[in-house]
Amino acid sequence: MNPIIDELEKPFLRENLPDINPGDTVKVFVRIIEGNKERTQAFEGTVIKEHGSGINKTITVRKVFQGVGVERVFLINSPRIEKINVLRKGDVRRSKLYYLRERSGKATRIKEKIEKR
């Protein structure tokens, strides 16, 4: 990319981000403002897509809630995101897991990646 743009974006990039890949099960803590109150809401699901790079990097997280699939796109460098916890590392062969949208129940399981010591 352009080195001038990279230099301008550098102060806005977060350093405390974990290594996130498609197939991982993550818990994203988002700050929500309701009226004059602020609270943190957790969204737990599987990363089905990574998009962009640098300050514009997003992840799409999918979960099934009461039998309905819910997908949410998070800008991972946003100040609204408090933290991201990786609960499980998924072992997948592709970068976009759109096929999970058609599946339900046990068919949506993803193998866990076993890390070498």
Protein backbone atom coordinates (compact mmCIF):
# COMPACT_ATOMS: atom_id res chain seq x y z
CA MET A 1 0.00 0.00 0.00
CA ASN A 2 0.88 3.66 0.15
CA PRO A 3 3.54 4.33 2.84
CA ILE A 4 2.04 7.77 3.62
CA ILE A 5 -1.40 6.25 4.35
CA ASP A 6 0.22 3.48 6.42
CA GLU A 7 2.01 6.10 8.53
CA LEU A 8 -1.25 8.01 9.12
CA GLU A 9 -3.16 4.84 10.12
CA LYS A 10 -0.47 3.52 12.48
CA PRO A 11 -1.68 5.32 15.67
CA PHE A 12 -5.21 3.89 15.18
CA LEU A 13 -4.15 0.24 14.87
CA ARG A 14 -4.60 -1.92 17.97
CA GLU A 15 -1.67 -3.87 19.37
CA ASN A 16 -3.55 -6.13 21.81
CA LEU A 17 -5.40 -8.17 19.14
CA PRO A 18 -5.12 -11.97 19.19
CA ASP A 19 -4.40 -13.98 16.05
CA ILE A 20 -7.86 -14.49 14.50
CA ASN A 21 -8.53 -16.81 11.56
CA PRO A 22 -11.67 -18.18 9.90
CA GLY A 23 -13.01 -21.19 11.80
CA ASP A 24 -12.05 -19.81 15.20
CA THR A 25 -14.70 -19.49 17.89
CA VAL A 26 -14.39 -16.01 19.36
CA LYS A 27 -16.08 -13.87 21.97
CA VAL A 28 -16.20 -10.20 20.97
CA PHE A 29 -16.95 -7.66 23.71
CA VAL A 30 -18.64 -4.57 22.24
CA ARG A 31 -19.39 -1.29 24.01
CA ILE A 32 -23.03 -0.31 23.53
CA ILE A 33 -24.40 3.14 24.39
CA GLU A 34 -28.08 3.25 25.36
CA GLY A 35 -29.24 6.76 26.19
CA ASN A 36 -26.68 8.07 28.66
CA LYS A 37 -25.58 4.61 29.87
CA GLU A 38 -22.78 2.50 28.48
CA ARG A 39 -22.49 -1.26 28.80
CA THR A 40 -20.50 -4.12 27.34
CA GLN A 41 -22.21 -6.84 25.33
CA ALA A 42 -20.53 -10.12 24.36
CA PHE A 43 -21.12 -11.76 20.98
CA GLU A 44 -19.84 -15.34 20.76
CA GLY A 45 -19.66 -17.24 17.48
CA THR A 46 -17.55 -18.65 14.67
CA VAL A 47 -15.48 -16.43 12.39
CA ILE A 48 -16.68 -17.21 8.87
CA LYS A 49 -14.79 -14.46 7.03
CA GLU A 50 -11.90 -12.02 7.27
CA HIS A 51 -11.92 -8.99 5.02
CA GLY A 52 -9.62 -6.04 4.36
CA SER A 53 -6.31 -5.14 5.90
CA GLY A 54 -4.77 -2.53 8.15
CA ILE A 55 -7.25 -0.22 9.81
CA ASN A 56 -10.13 -1.48 7.62
CA LYS A 57 -9.84 -5.15 8.65
CA THR A 58 -13.17 -6.76 9.52
CA ILE A 59 -14.30 -10.17 10.70
CA THR A 60 -17.75 -11.67 10.22
CA VAL A 61 -18.89 -13.72 13.22
CA ARG A 62 -21.83 -16.13 12.98
CA LYS A 63 -23.87 -17.72 15.74
CA VAL A 64 -27.21 -19.49 15.91
CA PHE A 65 -29.60 -17.95 18.42
CA GLN A 66 -33.01 -19.59 19.05
CA GLY A 67 -32.78 -21.45 15.74
CA VAL A 68 -31.98 -18.33 13.70
CA GLY A 69 -28.53 -17.68 12.24
CA VAL A 70 -27.15 -14.27 13.26
CA GLU A 71 -24.11 -12.78 11.53
CA ARG A 72 -22.38 -9.63 12.63
CA VAL A 73 -19.47 -7.78 11.03
CA PHE A 74 -16.91 -6.25 13.40
CA LEU A 75 -14.29 -3.65 12.50
CA ILE A 76 -11.54 -5.09 14.68
CA ASN A 77 -9.65 -1.80 15.09
CA SER A 78 -12.78 0.07 16.21
CA PRO A 79 -12.69 1.82 19.60
CA ARG A 80 -16.15 0.30 20.30
CA ILE A 81 -14.59 -3.14 20.56
CA GLU A 82 -13.31 -3.66 24.09
CA LYS A 83 -11.57 -6.99 23.57
CA ILE A 84 -11.66 -10.19 21.54
CA ASN A 85 -11.10 -13.60 23.15
CA VAL A 86 -10.29 -16.64 21.02
CA LEU A 87 -12.02 -19.59 22.70
CA ARG A 88 -11.16 -22.32 20.15
CA LYS A 89 -8.87 -22.47 17.13
CA GLY A 90 -10.64 -24.01 14.15
CA ASP A 91 -8.93 -26.30 11.64
CA VAL A 92 -10.42 -25.35 8.25
CA ARG A 93 -9.15 -25.58 4.67
CA ARG A 94 -10.70 -22.45 3.25
CA SER A 95 -10.79 -18.75 4.04
CA LYS A 96 -14.52 -18.10 3.57
CA LEU A 97 -16.85 -20.46 5.43
CA TYR A 98 -20.10 -19.50 3.72
CA TYR A 99 -21.12 -23.16 3.53
CA LEU A 100 -21.94 -23.00 7.27
CA ARG A 101 -24.99 -20.88 6.41
CA GLU A 102 -26.77 -23.84 4.81
CA ARG A 103 -25.94 -26.24 7.63
CA SER A 104 -27.52 -26.65 11.05
CA GLY A 105 -26.93 -28.60 14.23
CA LYS A 106 -24.02 -31.03 14.31
CA ALA A 107 -23.20 -30.37 10.65
CA THR A 108 -21.79 -26.95 11.62
CA ARG A 109 -19.07 -28.41 13.84
CA ILE A 110 -15.49 -27.46 12.99
CA LYS A 111 -12.46 -29.53 13.95
CA GLU A 112 -10.23 -27.99 16.60
CA LYS A 113 -6.66 -27.19 15.68
CA ILE A 114 -4.17 -28.89 17.98
CA GLU A 115 -1.19 -26.63 18.62
CA LYS A 116 2.34 -28.03 18.78
CA ARG A 117 4.22 -27.31 21.98
